[in-house]
């Protein structure tokens, strides 16, 4: 059986009356970008806190950071999204649970938070490794200047550590964007979801997912280009090979 290729399908009206099939894909692309950015902000915020806790001399802080990372890193993302979306409302008081269920755009918020927390564990490991790679003299010099532990992290250790781990953070940012595709399982109609909808309505499966693949590649190219420019502008000579 021969497949009937039809690349003009993108300009045909979509069943929802919201424009063409190409407009459908663009709306999914925008939702993918928005979800990825919100998730990355959460990942950076929580990952930075947990990464610092893992490097503090306090055993309690180190244990909290270790438990957080092991919990979120070792549980599949799909399972975590199901727990946040389906299980959490049932565990909360009834009024809170109903509020969560009726929350507008609940799949978007669940996906952004769930993916953000999942990726924060990876960011925390990267940051802890970056801090651990710094010479001991950095912290000792900060202490000799009279800086407190929080000031030493804020003004000395973290600025250098983030510059060192910028390349792996680029990969984690890309992974965050790609992980948004998993959110289709909780009803978020992002780029992958829109491609599936187009395929189901038009039966042009190859065209739909080819377009989605190209859009994902374009996002990744933009992110990689931007992050590479940021890496070069923030690089500290002598800390990163080839810089």
Protein backbone atom coordinates (compact mmCIF):
# COMPACT_ATOMS: atom_id res chain seq x y z
CA UNK A 1 0.00 0.00 0.00
CA UNK A 2 1.48 3.35 -1.06
CA UNK A 3 1.40 6.30 1.33
CA UNK A 4 -0.31 9.41 -0.06
CA UNK A 5 2.07 12.29 0.66
CA UNK A 6 0.37 15.67 1.02
CA UNK A 7 2.61 18.50 2.17
CA UNK A 8 -0.07 21.08 1.45
CA UNK A 9 -2.07 19.65 4.37
CA UNK A 10 -0.49 22.29 6.64
CA UNK A 11 -2.52 25.00 4.92
CA UNK A 12 -5.84 23.18 5.15
CA UNK A 13 -8.35 24.39 7.77
CA UNK A 14 -8.08 22.58 11.09
CA UNK A 15 -11.25 20.95 12.46
CA UNK A 16 -11.28 23.16 15.56
CA UNK A 17 -11.84 26.30 13.53
CA UNK A 18 -8.73 27.94 14.96
CA UNK A 19 -6.90 28.29 11.66
CA UNK A 20 -4.84 25.86 9.63
CA UNK A 21 -3.01 22.73 10.70
CA UNK A 22 0.17 24.79 10.67
CA UNK A 23 -1.44 27.17 13.15
CA UNK A 24 -2.20 24.15 15.34
CA UNK A 25 1.45 23.16 15.35
CA UNK A 26 2.55 26.72 16.07
CA UNK A 27 0.24 26.89 19.11
CA UNK A 28 1.73 23.62 20.32
CA UNK A 29 5.23 24.98 19.73
CA UNK A 30 4.46 28.08 21.80
CA UNK A 31 3.07 25.94 24.64
CA UNK A 32 6.17 23.73 24.52
CA UNK A 33 8.45 26.77 24.78
CA UNK A 34 6.41 28.31 27.58
CA UNK A 35 6.29 25.08 29.57
CA UNK A 36 10.01 24.50 29.08
CA UNK A 37 10.94 28.01 30.23
CA UNK A 38 8.76 27.86 33.35
CA UNK A 39 10.08 24.38 34.18
CA UNK A 40 13.67 25.56 33.69
CA UNK A 41 13.17 28.51 36.05
CA UNK A 42 11.89 26.09 38.71
CA UNK A 43 14.75 23.69 38.01
CA UNK A 44 17.37 26.41 38.39
CA UNK A 45 15.83 27.84 41.57
CA UNK A 46 15.36 24.55 43.42
CA UNK A 47 18.46 22.97 41.92
CA UNK A 48 20.62 25.84 43.15
CA UNK A 49 19.26 25.53 46.70
CA UNK A 50 19.66 21.77 46.83
CA UNK A 51 23.08 21.92 45.18
CA UNK A 52 24.29 24.29 47.90
CA UNK A 53 22.81 22.09 50.65
CA UNK A 54 24.76 19.11 49.30
CA UNK A 55 28.04 20.99 49.74
CA UNK A 56 27.49 22.52 53.17
CA UNK A 57 29.47 21.11 56.10
CA UNK A 58 26.22 20.45 57.98
CA UNK A 59 25.30 16.75 57.92
CA UNK A 60 21.60 17.59 58.17
CA UNK A 61 21.74 19.91 55.15
CA UNK A 62 23.77 17.38 53.19
CA UNK A 63 21.28 14.62 54.02
CA UNK A 64 18.31 16.78 52.96
CA UNK A 65 20.02 17.54 49.65
CA UNK A 66 20.89 13.87 49.14
CA UNK A 67 17.31 12.69 49.88
CA UNK A 68 15.82 15.30 47.54
CA UNK A 69 18.09 14.34 44.66
CA UNK A 70 17.58 10.61 45.10
CA UNK A 71 13.80 10.99 45.28
CA UNK A 72 13.36 13.11 42.16
CA UNK A 73 16.20 11.68 40.09
CA UNK A 74 15.39 7.99 40.58
CA UNK A 75 11.64 8.15 39.93
CA UNK A 76 10.57 8.22 36.25
CA UNK A 77 9.23 11.56 35.10
CA UNK A 78 6.02 9.99 33.84
CA UNK A 79 5.29 8.55 37.27
CA UNK A 80 5.98 11.89 38.91
CA UNK A 81 3.57 13.71 36.59
CA UNK A 82 0.87 11.13 37.33
CA UNK A 83 1.44 11.59 41.07
CA UNK A 84 1.23 15.37 40.84
CA UNK A 85 -1.82 15.38 38.56
CA UNK A 86 -3.93 12.42 39.68
CA UNK A 87 -2.80 11.44 43.20
CA UNK A 88 -1.99 14.73 44.95
CA UNK A 89 -5.56 16.17 44.72
CA UNK A 90 -6.87 13.00 46.39
CA UNK A 91 -4.41 13.28 49.28
CA UNK A 92 -5.20 16.90 50.10
CA UNK A 93 -8.26 18.11 52.05
CA UNK A 94 -11.38 17.86 49.90
CA UNK A 95 -11.71 21.62 49.26
CA UNK A 96 -8.06 21.89 48.22
CA UNK A 97 -8.33 18.84 46.02
CA UNK A 98 -11.39 20.23 44.24
CA UNK A 99 -9.61 23.54 43.72
CA UNK A 100 -6.67 21.76 42.09
CA UNK A 101 -8.94 19.70 39.85
CA UNK A 102 -10.86 22.77 38.70
CA UNK A 103 -7.77 24.94 38.25
CA UNK A 104 -7.66 26.46 34.74
CA UNK A 105 -4.71 25.16 32.72
CA UNK A 106 -4.01 22.53 35.39
CA UNK A 107 -2.00 20.35 32.94
CA UNK A 108 0.29 23.29 32.17
CA UNK A 109 1.02 24.09 35.82
CA UNK A 110 1.42 20.41 36.69
CA UNK A 111 3.81 19.85 33.79
CA UNK A 112 5.89 22.96 34.55
CA UNK A 113 6.20 22.11 38.25
CA UNK A 114 6.67 18.37 37.75
CA UNK A 115 9.30 18.70 35.03
CA UNK A 116 10.96 21.56 36.91
CA UNK A 117 11.35 19.53 40.11
CA UNK A 118 12.53 16.49 38.16
CA UNK A 119 15.21 18.51 36.39
CA UNK A 120 16.14 20.39 39.56
CA UNK A 121 17.70 17.21 40.94
CA UNK A 122 19.99 17.04 37.92
CA UNK A 123 20.87 20.73 38.22
CA UNK A 124 21.65 20.20 41.92
CA UNK A 125 24.12 17.41 41.09
CA UNK A 126 25.79 19.56 38.44
CA UNK A 127 26.09 22.53 40.77
CA UNK A 128 27.41 20.43 43.67
CA UNK A 129 30.03 18.98 41.34
CA UNK A 130 30.96 22.48 40.15
CA UNK A 131 31.40 23.75 43.71
CA UNK A 132 33.40 20.66 44.68
CA UNK A 133 35.74 21.21 41.72
CA UNK A 134 36.80 24.64 43.00
CA UNK A 135 40.16 24.93 44.76
CA UNK A 136 39.87 24.92 48.56
CA UNK A 137 41.64 28.24 48.59
CA UNK A 138 38.56 29.97 47.20
CA UNK A 139 36.49 29.30 50.31
CA UNK A 140 39.44 29.83 52.63
CA UNK A 141 40.12 33.23 51.05
CA UNK A 142 36.46 34.19 51.50
CA UNK A 143 36.61 33.17 55.16
CA UNK A 144 39.85 35.11 55.64
CA UNK A 145 38.12 38.22 54.29
CA UNK A 146 35.48 37.88 56.99
CA UNK A 147 32.66 36.67 54.75
CA UNK A 148 29.96 34.48 56.27
CA UNK A 149 29.14 31.12 54.71
CA UNK A 150 26.16 32.55 52.82
CA UNK A 151 28.24 35.50 51.60
CA UNK A 152 31.05 33.17 50.51
CA UNK A 153 28.59 31.16 48.41
CA UNK A 154 26.85 34.22 47.01
CA UNK A 155 29.88 36.31 46.08
CA UNK A 156 32.65 33.74 45.52
CA UNK A 157 31.69 30.11 45.05
CA UNK A 158 28.40 30.23 43.13
CA UNK A 159 29.45 32.80 40.48
CA UNK A 160 32.47 30.66 39.57
CA UNK A 161 30.66 27.31 39.86
CA UNK A 162 27.85 28.39 37.53
CA UNK A 163 30.39 29.50 34.94
CA UNK A 164 32.11 26.11 35.12
CA UNK A 165 28.91 24.07 34.75
CA UNK A 166 27.44 26.19 31.95
CA UNK A 167 28.08 23.50 29.26
CA UNK A 168 26.23 20.72 31.14
CA UNK A 169 23.48 23.18 32.03
CA UNK A 170 22.96 23.67 28.29
CA UNK A 171 22.25 19.95 27.96
CA UNK A 172 19.88 20.03 30.91
CA UNK A 173 17.98 22.97 29.40
CA UNK A 174 17.56 21.01 26.17
CA UNK A 175 16.40 17.96 28.14
CA UNK A 176 13.86 20.14 29.94
CA UNK A 177 12.36 21.26 26.63
CA UNK A 178 12.27 17.71 25.26
CA UNK A 179 10.71 16.37 28.46
CA UNK A 180 7.66 18.56 27.87
CA UNK A 181 6.54 15.94 25.33
CA UNK A 182 5.79 13.60 28.25
CA UNK A 183 3.13 16.04 29.48
CA UNK A 184 0.79 14.86 26.74
CA UNK A 185 -0.08 12.00 29.11
CA UNK A 186 -1.79 14.44 31.51
CA UNK A 187 -3.61 16.36 28.80
CA UNK A 188 -1.15 19.11 27.88
CA UNK A 189 -1.54 19.62 24.13
CA UNK A 190 1.93 20.90 23.38
CA UNK A 191 3.84 20.34 20.13
CA UNK A 192 3.77 16.55 20.28
CA UNK A 193 0.10 16.62 21.27
CA UNK A 194 -0.79 18.90 18.38
CA UNK A 195 1.14 16.68 15.97
CA UNK A 196 -0.88 13.70 17.18
CA UNK A 197 -4.11 15.65 16.81
CA UNK A 198 -3.17 16.61 13.26
CA UNK A 199 -2.37 13.00 12.46
CA UNK A 200 -5.67 11.77 13.86
CA UNK A 201 -7.73 14.38 11.98
CA UNK A 202 -5.91 14.29 8.65
CA UNK A 203 -4.30 10.79 8.65
CA UNK A 204 -1.09 12.45 7.41
CA UNK A 205 1.13 10.98 10.11
CA UNK A 206 4.51 11.49 8.43
CA UNK A 207 3.86 15.12 7.55
CA UNK A 208 2.64 15.92 11.07
CA UNK A 209 5.60 14.41 12.90
CA UNK A 210 8.13 15.60 10.35
CA UNK A 211 6.99 19.16 11.00
CA UNK A 212 7.12 18.58 14.77
CA UNK A 213 10.64 17.16 14.46
CA UNK A 214 11.82 20.20 12.48
CA UNK A 215 10.31 22.53 15.08
CA UNK A 216 12.05 20.69 17.93
CA UNK A 217 15.33 20.92 16.02
CA UNK A 218 14.88 24.66 15.50
CA UNK A 219 14.24 25.16 19.23
CA UNK A 220 17.37 23.19 20.08
CA UNK A 221 19.48 25.15 17.59
CA UNK A 222 18.33 28.45 19.07
CA UNK A 223 18.99 27.24 22.65
CA UNK A 224 22.41 25.79 21.84
CA UNK A 225 23.47 28.93 19.94
CA UNK A 226 22.33 31.20 22.76
CA UNK A 227 23.94 29.09 25.47
CA UNK A 228 27.21 28.79 23.55
CA UNK A 229 27.35 32.58 23.31
CA UNK A 230 26.63 32.80 27.04
CA UNK A 231 29.34 30.22 27.80
CA UNK A 232 31.96 32.18 25.87
CA UNK A 233 30.99 35.47 27.48
CA UNK A 234 31.08 34.04 31.04
CA UNK A 235 34.04 31.66 30.67
CA UNK A 236 36.92 32.14 33.13
CA UNK A 237 40.34 31.46 31.55
CA UNK A 238 42.01 28.45 33.14
CA UNK A 239 38.83 26.91 34.58
CA UNK A 240 37.41 25.35 31.40
CA UNK A 241 39.56 23.50 28.90
CA UNK A 242 40.05 25.39 25.68
CA UNK A 243 38.77 28.67 27.12
